[in-house]
Amino acid sequence: MAKRIEREALYDLVWSEPVRTVAARFEVSDVALKKACQRASIPTPDRGYWAKREAGKSVTKIALPPRAPGHSNVITFGHSSYWYPNWTAEELAGPLPPAPTFPEPIDAVRARVERAVGKVKCTTKVTGWHPAIRKLLEKDEDRRKKAASSPYAFSWEEPVFTTDVEQRRLRILNAIFLAVGRCNGKVTVRGTEARDLTITFDRQHVVVALHPEQAGRKPDPAKLFAPLRFSILKGFGNAEVRASWVDESRRPLEDQLASIAVELVVDAEVQLREGALHHHRWRAEQKARLEREAEERRLEAIRKEAERREQEQRERLEALFKAADDYRRAEDIRGFVAKLTRRIGDTENRRDAAFDQWATWALEEANRIDPSVTLDLPGLPKTTAEPPGGW
């Protein structure tokens, strides 16, 4: 089962006891714990910290820095669902934590990101390529060499980034990717034309696109400048735009890159907050659902118990009616035998053995079905006692 802990609580733990001891609590290695702390920007004591502390030497506790924008405040160890942790029914039915709050306003986050991003320059002469862009250029170079050495040319094997427009797209993307990398943004580029772009901050995915200003139209290769639009999209496969920047006559995208990079990071933080609030509502709904289902089960159990008791009462009444009927029948048999015995005794004819045998049998049958003799009475505990005198 996955184990979760707040960022501040984990920080207190790793500075209160050695990392190896803390790691054992979460059933992970000390290396895995340190990596988790690194991802969450949680400083850990250096190798000689505990030895110096035990020796009474002066040690320095590194302060916990602010949470990185877009990074969760909860650290999870063990297998967990990507979108929602694998909460157990007991956890969901337990006390609902308070709704998440974010003491740092978004404007303060934006100011912090602006300081981290700094200036973003994009010149025609690139001195260093982002790894994702470098990989695209290397593949493009391989396609160029293959096309040059092959007598057959296929359109899908031609180099992609040869026009001025595509070269400009790569320079803009390169500058943005390097800028968001200063805030731990990890870039994923899918496809050969760099059209499917994602920037990930921890578990927040910011989907972006850099395309001609008029969607669906490819830029004219003959034009040195084709208006482009950079957009932050709603999500994977969703064309809805959360924010966008477009080339302007006096302010091209190259002059807006710092603003773009900042908003990319801030958007990850906004998504995280939206997701945290949504997840809290989800937990509240799950808790309400579990409580509703538990109440339904309780009422169903009450209903079934009432039905059982009602059925039991009906069966007891039916058994009582049958016992009373059997008693009357037994009494009728005894009265009949007695009347026949008196009638025969009043005549001159003597009773023969066959009648006496029959009378004995009839009285035995009367005793057999008579509940007052067998004590087989509905609602009365079974007993082996002899029937009271007079029965």
Protein backbone atom coordinates (compact mmCIF):
# COMPACT_ATOMS: atom_id res chain seq x y z
CA MET A 1 0.00 0.00 0.00
CA ALA A 2 1.27 3.46 -0.90
CA LYS A 3 2.45 5.67 1.96
CA ARG A 4 2.04 9.43 1.83
CA ILE A 5 3.57 12.24 3.83
CA GLU A 6 3.44 16.02 3.67
CA ARG A 7 6.57 17.77 2.44
CA GLU A 8 7.09 19.69 5.70
CA ALA A 9 6.65 16.51 7.77
CA LEU A 10 9.25 14.64 5.70
CA TYR A 11 11.65 17.56 6.07
CA ASP A 12 11.27 17.37 9.86
CA LEU A 13 11.88 13.61 9.78
CA VAL A 14 15.09 13.64 7.74
CA TRP A 15 16.52 16.29 10.06
CA SER A 16 15.48 14.46 13.23
CA GLU A 17 17.03 11.06 12.45
CA PRO A 18 19.30 9.49 9.80
CA VAL A 19 17.92 9.02 6.29
CA ARG A 20 18.40 5.24 6.50
CA THR A 21 16.13 5.10 9.55
CA VAL A 22 13.49 7.26 7.89
CA ALA A 23 13.66 5.19 4.71
CA ALA A 24 12.92 2.02 6.66
CA ARG A 25 9.62 3.54 7.82
CA PHE A 26 8.49 3.89 4.24
CA GLU A 27 9.97 0.54 3.18
CA VAL A 28 12.28 2.12 0.59
CA SER A 29 16.04 2.42 0.27
CA ASP A 30 17.90 5.45 1.53
CA VAL A 31 18.82 6.23 -2.08
CA ALA A 32 15.14 6.27 -3.10
CA LEU A 33 14.30 8.49 -0.14
CA LYS A 34 17.05 10.96 -1.04
CA LYS A 35 15.84 11.10 -4.65
CA ALA A 36 12.30 11.77 -3.43
CA CYS A 37 13.60 14.58 -1.23
CA GLN A 38 15.58 16.00 -4.13
CA ARG A 39 12.50 16.02 -6.38
CA ALA A 40 10.52 17.78 -3.65
CA SER A 41 13.32 20.32 -2.98
CA ILE A 42 13.80 18.96 0.55
CA PRO A 43 17.39 19.41 1.75
CA THR A 44 18.96 16.47 3.61
CA PRO A 45 21.89 16.40 6.06
CA ASP A 46 25.31 15.75 4.60
CA ARG A 47 27.25 12.59 5.38
CA GLY A 48 29.03 13.92 8.47
CA TYR A 49 26.07 15.73 10.00
CA TRP A 50 25.05 13.07 12.55
CA ALA A 51 28.62 12.27 13.61
CA LYS A 52 29.27 15.97 14.30
CA ARG A 53 25.99 16.26 16.16
CA GLU A 54 26.74 13.25 18.37
CA ALA A 55 30.20 14.67 19.08
CA GLY A 56 28.61 17.90 20.23
CA LYS A 57 30.01 19.92 17.35
CA SER A 58 28.17 22.77 15.73
CA VAL A 59 25.96 21.72 12.82
CA THR A 60 23.80 23.70 10.43
CA LYS A 61 20.24 22.77 9.55
CA ILE A 62 19.38 23.90 6.03
CA ALA A 63 16.05 25.70 5.87
CA LEU A 64 13.24 24.23 3.80
CA PRO A 65 12.91 26.29 0.61
CA PRO A 66 9.49 27.13 -0.87
CA ARG A 67 7.78 24.37 -2.78
CA ALA A 68 8.70 24.41 -6.46
CA PRO A 69 5.83 25.63 -8.65
CA GLY A 70 3.80 22.74 -10.03
CA HIS A 71 5.27 20.25 -7.55
CA SER A 72 3.01 18.41 -5.14
CA ASN A 73 3.21 19.05 -1.42
CA VAL A 74 2.59 15.34 -0.78
CA ILE A 75 5.34 12.77 -1.29
CA THR A 76 4.14 9.26 -2.09
CA PHE A 77 6.13 6.06 -1.58
CA GLY A 78 4.95 2.83 -3.15
CA HIS A 79 2.58 2.11 -6.00
CA SER A 80 -0.09 4.73 -6.52
CA SER A 81 -2.51 5.69 -9.26
CA TYR A 82 -1.11 8.37 -11.54
CA TRP A 83 -4.12 10.67 -11.24
CA TYR A 84 -5.43 9.66 -7.83
CA PRO A 85 -3.60 7.80 -5.07
CA ASN A 86 -4.87 4.31 -4.32
CA TRP A 87 -6.86 5.22 -1.24
CA THR A 88 -8.29 2.31 0.71
CA ALA A 89 -11.96 2.28 1.68
CA GLU A 90 -10.92 2.77 5.32
CA GLU A 91 -8.89 5.87 4.42
CA LEU A 92 -11.68 7.35 2.31
CA ALA A 93 -14.25 6.69 5.02
CA GLY A 94 -12.00 8.24 7.67
CA PRO A 95 -11.87 11.89 8.65
CA LEU A 96 -11.86 14.22 5.66
CA PRO A 97 -8.85 16.53 5.77
CA PRO A 98 -9.48 20.25 5.41
CA ALA A 99 -9.63 21.69 1.92
CA PRO A 100 -6.15 22.50 0.56
CA THR A 101 -4.98 26.04 1.03
CA PHE A 102 -2.14 27.84 -0.69
CA PRO A 103 -0.66 30.59 1.48
CA GLU A 104 1.50 31.90 -1.34
CA PRO A 105 -0.66 33.92 -3.78
CA ILE A 106 -0.26 33.20 -7.48
CA ASP A 107 1.18 36.68 -8.01
CA ALA A 108 3.90 35.89 -5.48
CA VAL A 109 4.59 32.59 -7.26
CA ARG A 110 4.82 34.46 -10.54
CA ALA A 111 7.31 36.92 -9.07
CA ARG A 112 9.41 34.05 -7.75
CA VAL A 113 9.35 32.34 -11.16
CA GLU A 114 10.31 35.60 -12.89
CA ARG A 115 13.43 35.80 -10.74
CA ALA A 116 14.31 32.16 -11.48
CA VAL A 117 13.73 32.45 -15.23
CA GLY A 118 15.49 35.80 -15.67
CA LYS A 119 16.13 37.05 -19.17
CA VAL A 120 15.35 34.81 -22.13
CA LYS A 121 17.22 35.56 -25.34
CA CYS A 122 16.67 34.13 -28.77
CA THR A 123 19.19 35.06 -31.46
CA THR A 124 19.78 33.76 -34.93
CA LYS A 125 23.08 32.30 -33.79
CA VAL A 126 22.43 29.60 -31.18
CA THR A 127 25.36 28.72 -28.93
CA GLY A 128 23.72 25.83 -27.13
CA TRP A 129 20.79 23.62 -28.01
CA HIS A 130 18.37 22.05 -25.56
CA PRO A 131 18.75 18.23 -25.62
CA ALA A 132 15.26 17.78 -27.10
CA ILE A 133 16.01 20.22 -29.95
CA ARG A 134 19.47 18.77 -30.48
CA LYS A 135 17.92 15.34 -30.96
CA LEU A 136 15.56 16.75 -33.60
CA LEU A 137 18.44 18.36 -35.46
CA GLU A 138 20.49 15.15 -35.33
CA LYS A 139 17.63 13.17 -36.82
CA ASP A 140 17.17 15.84 -39.45
CA GLU A 141 20.86 15.61 -40.34
CA ASP A 142 20.55 11.83 -40.66
CA ARG A 143 17.64 12.30 -43.06
CA ARG A 144 19.66 14.83 -45.09
CA LYS A 145 22.62 12.45 -45.41
CA LYS A 146 20.36 9.56 -46.35
CA ALA A 147 18.61 11.67 -48.99
CA ALA A 148 21.96 12.80 -50.41
CA SER A 149 23.29 9.25 -50.70
CA SER A 150 20.13 7.63 -52.05
CA PRO A 151 18.99 7.88 -55.71
CA TYR A 152 15.40 7.68 -54.55
CA ALA A 153 13.77 10.55 -52.69
CA PHE A 154 10.68 10.09 -50.56
CA SER A 155 8.83 13.03 -49.04
CA TRP A 156 8.57 11.41 -45.62
CA GLU A 157 12.35 10.97 -45.52
CA GLU A 158 13.23 14.56 -46.37
CA PRO A 159 14.71 16.90 -43.73
CA VAL A 160 12.05 18.82 -41.80
CA PHE A 161 13.79 21.86 -40.36
CA THR A 162 15.35 23.35 -43.49
CA THR A 163 13.21 26.44 -44.09
CA ASP A 164 13.70 29.75 -42.32
CA VAL A 165 10.31 29.37 -40.70
CA GLU A 166 11.12 25.94 -39.21
CA GLN A 167 14.56 27.12 -38.13
CA ARG A 168 12.89 30.02 -36.33
CA ARG A 169 10.44 27.67 -34.65
CA LEU A 170 13.33 25.61 -33.30
CA ARG A 171 15.16 28.69 -32.00
CA ILE A 172 12.04 29.92 -30.18
CA LEU A 173 11.34 26.49 -28.70
CA ASN A 174 14.98 26.10 -27.71
CA ALA A 175 14.97 29.38 -25.78
CA ILE A 176 11.70 28.48 -24.01
CA PHE A 177 12.85 24.96 -23.14
CA LEU A 178 16.12 26.23 -21.66
CA ALA A 179 14.24 28.86 -19.64
CA VAL A 180 11.70 26.47 -18.10
CA GLY A 181 14.54 24.06 -17.36
CA ARG A 182 15.67 26.53 -14.71
CA CYS A 183 12.41 25.72 -12.90
CA ASN A 184 12.76 21.93 -13.26
CA GLY A 185 10.61 21.76 -16.38
CA LYS A 186 11.17 18.54 -18.36
CA VAL A 187 10.43 18.65 -22.08
CA THR A 188 8.88 15.88 -24.17
CA VAL A 189 8.77 16.25 -27.97
CA ARG A 190 6.80 13.70 -29.98
CA GLY A 191 6.78 13.40 -33.74
CA THR A 192 9.33 14.43 -36.31
CA GLU A 193 8.03 17.98 -36.77
CA ALA A 194 8.05 19.08 -33.12
CA ARG A 195 4.31 19.70 -33.11
CA ASP A 196 3.39 17.59 -30.07
CA LEU A 197 5.05 19.30 -27.11
CA THR A 198 4.70 18.75 -23.37
CA ILE A 199 6.53 20.35 -20.45
CA THR A 200 6.28 18.44 -17.18
CA PHE A 201 6.72 19.81 -13.69
CA ASP A 202 6.65 16.87 -11.29
CA ARG A 203 3.22 15.39 -12.22
CA GLN A 204 1.79 18.47 -13.88
CA HIS A 205 1.85 18.32 -17.67
CA VAL A 206 1.64 21.58 -19.58
CA VAL A 207 0.74 20.89 -23.20
CA VAL A 208 1.95 23.59 -25.60
CA ALA A 209 1.98 24.30 -29.32
CA LEU A 210 3.89 26.62 -31.62
CA HIS A 211 2.03 26.90 -34.90
CA PRO A 212 1.09 29.40 -37.63
CA GLU A 213 -1.16 32.16 -36.36
CA GLN A 214 -4.00 30.85 -38.53
CA ALA A 215 -4.51 27.30 -37.39
CA GLY A 216 -4.52 24.67 -40.11
CA ARG A 217 -2.40 26.69 -42.52
CA LYS A 218 1.23 25.92 -43.12
CA PRO A 219 3.58 28.89 -43.45
CA ASP A 220 4.82 29.80 -46.89
CA PRO A 221 8.44 28.59 -47.12
CA ALA A 222 9.26 31.53 -49.38
CA LYS A 223 8.45 34.02 -46.65
CA LEU A 224 11.23 34.86 -44.21
CA PHE A 225 8.73 35.79 -41.52
CA ALA A 226 5.50 33.90 -40.94
CA PRO A 227 3.37 34.97 -37.96
CA LEU A 228 3.42 32.28 -35.28
CA ARG A 229 1.29 31.66 -32.22
CA PHE A 230 2.49 29.98 -29.04
CA SER A 231 -0.34 28.41 -27.02
CA ILE A 232 -0.83 26.61 -23.73
CA LEU A 233 -3.52 24.01 -24.37
CA LYS A 234 -6.11 22.56 -22.03
CA GLY A 235 -4.56 19.09 -22.11
CA PHE A 236 -3.68 16.08 -24.24
CA GLY A 237 -5.77 16.01 -27.38
CA ASN A 238 -7.66 19.12 -26.27
CA ALA A 239 -7.46 22.10 -28.61
CA GLU A 240 -8.93 24.48 -26.04
CA VAL A 241 -6.42 27.25 -25.29
CA ARG A 242 -5.58 28.34 -21.75
CA ALA A 243 -3.26 31.15 -22.85
CA SER A 244 -1.55 32.23 -26.06
CA TRP A 245 0.99 34.69 -27.47
CA VAL A 246 1.17 35.79 -31.10
CA ASP A 247 3.65 37.59 -33.31
CA GLU A 248 2.97 41.30 -33.44
CA SER A 249 4.33 43.82 -35.89
CA ARG A 250 6.32 45.65 -33.23
CA ARG A 251 6.67 42.78 -30.77
CA PRO A 252 7.55 39.37 -32.23
CA LEU A 253 7.50 36.22 -30.14
CA GLU A 254 11.25 36.57 -29.56
CA ASP A 255 10.51 39.60 -27.39
CA GLN A 256 7.83 37.74 -25.38
CA LEU A 257 9.77 34.62 -24.46
CA ALA A 258 10.39 35.57 -20.83
CA SER A 259 6.65 36.13 -20.31
CA ILE A 260 5.88 32.83 -22.04
CA ALA A 261 8.38 30.86 -19.93
CA VAL A 262 7.08 32.40 -16.70
CA GLU A 263 3.46 31.64 -17.54
CA LEU A 264 4.32 28.06 -18.46
CA VAL A 265 5.68 27.48 -14.98
CA VAL A 266 2.85 29.40 -13.32
CA ASP A 267 0.29 27.40 -15.32
CA ALA A 268 1.73 24.21 -13.83
CA GLU A 269 1.14 25.68 -10.36
CA VAL A 270 -2.40 26.73 -11.32
CA GLN A 271 -3.10 23.21 -12.61
CA LEU A 272 -1.73 21.74 -9.39
CA ARG A 273 -4.01 23.92 -7.27
CA GLU A 274 -7.01 23.18 -9.45
CA GLY A 275 -6.21 19.48 -9.25
CA ALA A 276 -5.77 19.58 -5.45
CA LEU A 277 -9.15 21.25 -4.99
CA HIS A 278 -10.75 18.83 -7.44
CA HIS A 279 -9.17 15.89 -5.63
CA HIS A 280 -10.45 17.17 -2.28
CA ARG A 281 -13.97 17.38 -3.73
CA TRP A 282 -13.50 13.86 -5.08
CA ARG A 283 -12.49 12.58 -1.65
CA ALA A 284 -15.51 14.30 -0.10
CA GLU A 285 -17.75 12.67 -2.70
CA GLN A 286 -16.16 9.25 -2.09
CA LYS A 287 -16.57 9.65 1.67
CA ALA A 288 -20.22 10.66 1.20
CA ARG A 289 -20.73 7.70 -1.14
CA LEU A 290 -19.21 5.24 1.33
CA GLU A 291 -21.29 6.68 4.16
CA ARG A 292 -24.41 6.48 2.00
CA GLU A 293 -23.66 2.87 1.06
CA ALA A 294 -22.98 1.99 4.71
CA GLU A 295 -26.31 3.57 5.72
CA GLU A 296 -28.07 1.69 2.94
CA ARG A 297 -26.51 -1.56 4.17
CA ARG A 298 -27.56 -0.77 7.74
CA LEU A 299 -31.15 -0.05 6.70
CA GLU A 300 -31.16 -3.16 4.53
CA ALA A 301 -29.97 -5.24 7.48
CA ILE A 302 -32.71 -3.73 9.64
CA ARG A 303 -35.31 -4.45 6.96
CA LYS A 304 -34.15 -8.05 6.55
CA GLU A 305 -34.12 -8.56 10.32
CA ALA A 306 -37.67 -7.18 10.55
CA GLU A 307 -38.74 -9.50 7.73
CA ARG A 308 -37.06 -12.43 9.45
CA ARG A 309 -38.84 -11.71 12.73
CA GLU A 310 -42.15 -11.22 10.96
CA GLN A 311 -41.71 -14.50 9.12
CA GLU A 312 -40.71 -16.22 12.35
CA GLN A 313 -43.82 -14.84 14.08
CA ARG A 314 -46.03 -16.06 11.23
CA GLU A 315 -44.48 -19.51 11.44
CA ARG A 316 -44.98 -19.62 15.23
CA LEU A 317 -48.60 -18.59 14.85
CA GLU A 318 -49.16 -21.21 12.17
CA ALA A 319 -47.54 -23.81 14.43
CA LEU A 320 -49.74 -22.63 17.31
CA PHE A 321 -52.88 -22.92 15.20
CA LYS A 322 -51.81 -26.41 14.13
CA ALA A 323 -51.10 -27.41 17.76
CA ALA A 324 -54.53 -26.18 18.84
CA ASP A 325 -56.13 -28.05 15.96
CA ASP A 326 -54.17 -31.21 16.85
CA TYR A 327 -55.30 -30.85 20.46
CA ARG A 328 -58.93 -30.61 19.42
CA ARG A 329 -58.58 -33.63 17.17
CA ALA A 330 -56.94 -35.62 19.98
CA GLU A 331 -59.78 -34.66 22.33
CA ASP A 332 -62.32 -35.63 19.67
CA ILE A 333 -60.65 -39.04 19.33
CA ARG A 334 -60.68 -39.61 23.10
CA GLY A 335 -64.32 -38.55 23.35
CA PHE A 336 -65.25 -40.80 20.46
CA VAL A 337 -63.46 -43.80 21.98
CA ALA A 338 -65.05 -43.12 25.37
CA LYS A 339 -68.53 -42.82 23.87
CA LEU A 340 -68.12 -46.08 21.96
CA THR A 341 -66.80 -47.81 25.05
CA ARG A 342 -69.80 -46.67 27.12
CA ARG A 343 -72.26 -47.63 24.42
CA ILE A 344 -70.80 -51.08 24.02
CA GLY A 345 -70.66 -51.48 27.78
CA ASP A 346 -74.34 -50.59 28.11
CA THR A 347 -75.40 -53.35 25.75
CA GLU A 348 -75.65 -56.95 26.46
CA ASN A 349 -72.92 -57.77 23.97
CA ARG A 350 -69.57 -58.15 25.53
CA ARG A 351 -66.62 -56.24 24.05
CA ASP A 352 -64.29 -58.46 22.12
CA ALA A 353 -60.50 -58.27 21.97
CA ALA A 354 -60.53 -56.62 18.55
CA PHE A 355 -62.41 -53.59 19.89
CA ASP A 356 -60.08 -53.24 22.85
CA GLN A 357 -57.12 -53.43 20.50
CA TRP A 358 -58.66 -50.79 18.29
CA ALA A 359 -59.46 -48.53 21.27
CA THR A 360 -55.88 -48.82 22.53
CA TRP A 361 -54.55 -47.89 19.13
CA ALA A 362 -56.93 -44.91 18.82
CA LEU A 363 -55.95 -43.53 22.23
CA GLU A 364 -52.26 -43.94 21.41
CA GLU A 365 -52.80 -41.97 18.21
CA ALA A 366 -54.61 -39.29 20.18
CA ASN A 367 -51.68 -39.05 22.58
CA ARG A 368 -49.25 -38.97 19.67
CA ILE A 369 -50.83 -35.91 18.05
CA ASP A 370 -51.80 -34.20 21.30
CA PRO A 371 -49.27 -31.37 21.94
CA SER A 372 -50.31 -31.26 25.60
CA VAL A 373 -48.94 -34.79 25.96
CA THR A 374 -45.82 -34.48 23.83
CA LEU A 375 -45.12 -30.92 25.09
CA ASP A 376 -44.40 -30.02 21.43
CA LEU A 377 -45.73 -26.49 21.92
CA PRO A 378 -44.70 -23.54 19.71
CA GLY A 379 -42.54 -21.13 21.66
CA LEU A 380 -42.02 -23.54 24.56
CA PRO A 381 -38.46 -24.86 25.10
CA LYS A 382 -38.11 -28.59 24.52
CA THR A 383 -38.16 -30.71 27.70
CA THR A 384 -38.12 -34.38 28.60
CA ALA A 385 -40.28 -33.87 31.72
CA GLU A 386 -43.35 -36.03 32.13
CA PRO A 387 -46.66 -34.24 31.50
CA PRO A 388 -48.33 -32.87 34.61
CA GLY A 389 -50.87 -35.04 36.31
CA GLY A 390 -54.32 -34.85 34.83
CA TRP A 391 -53.14 -34.50 31.19
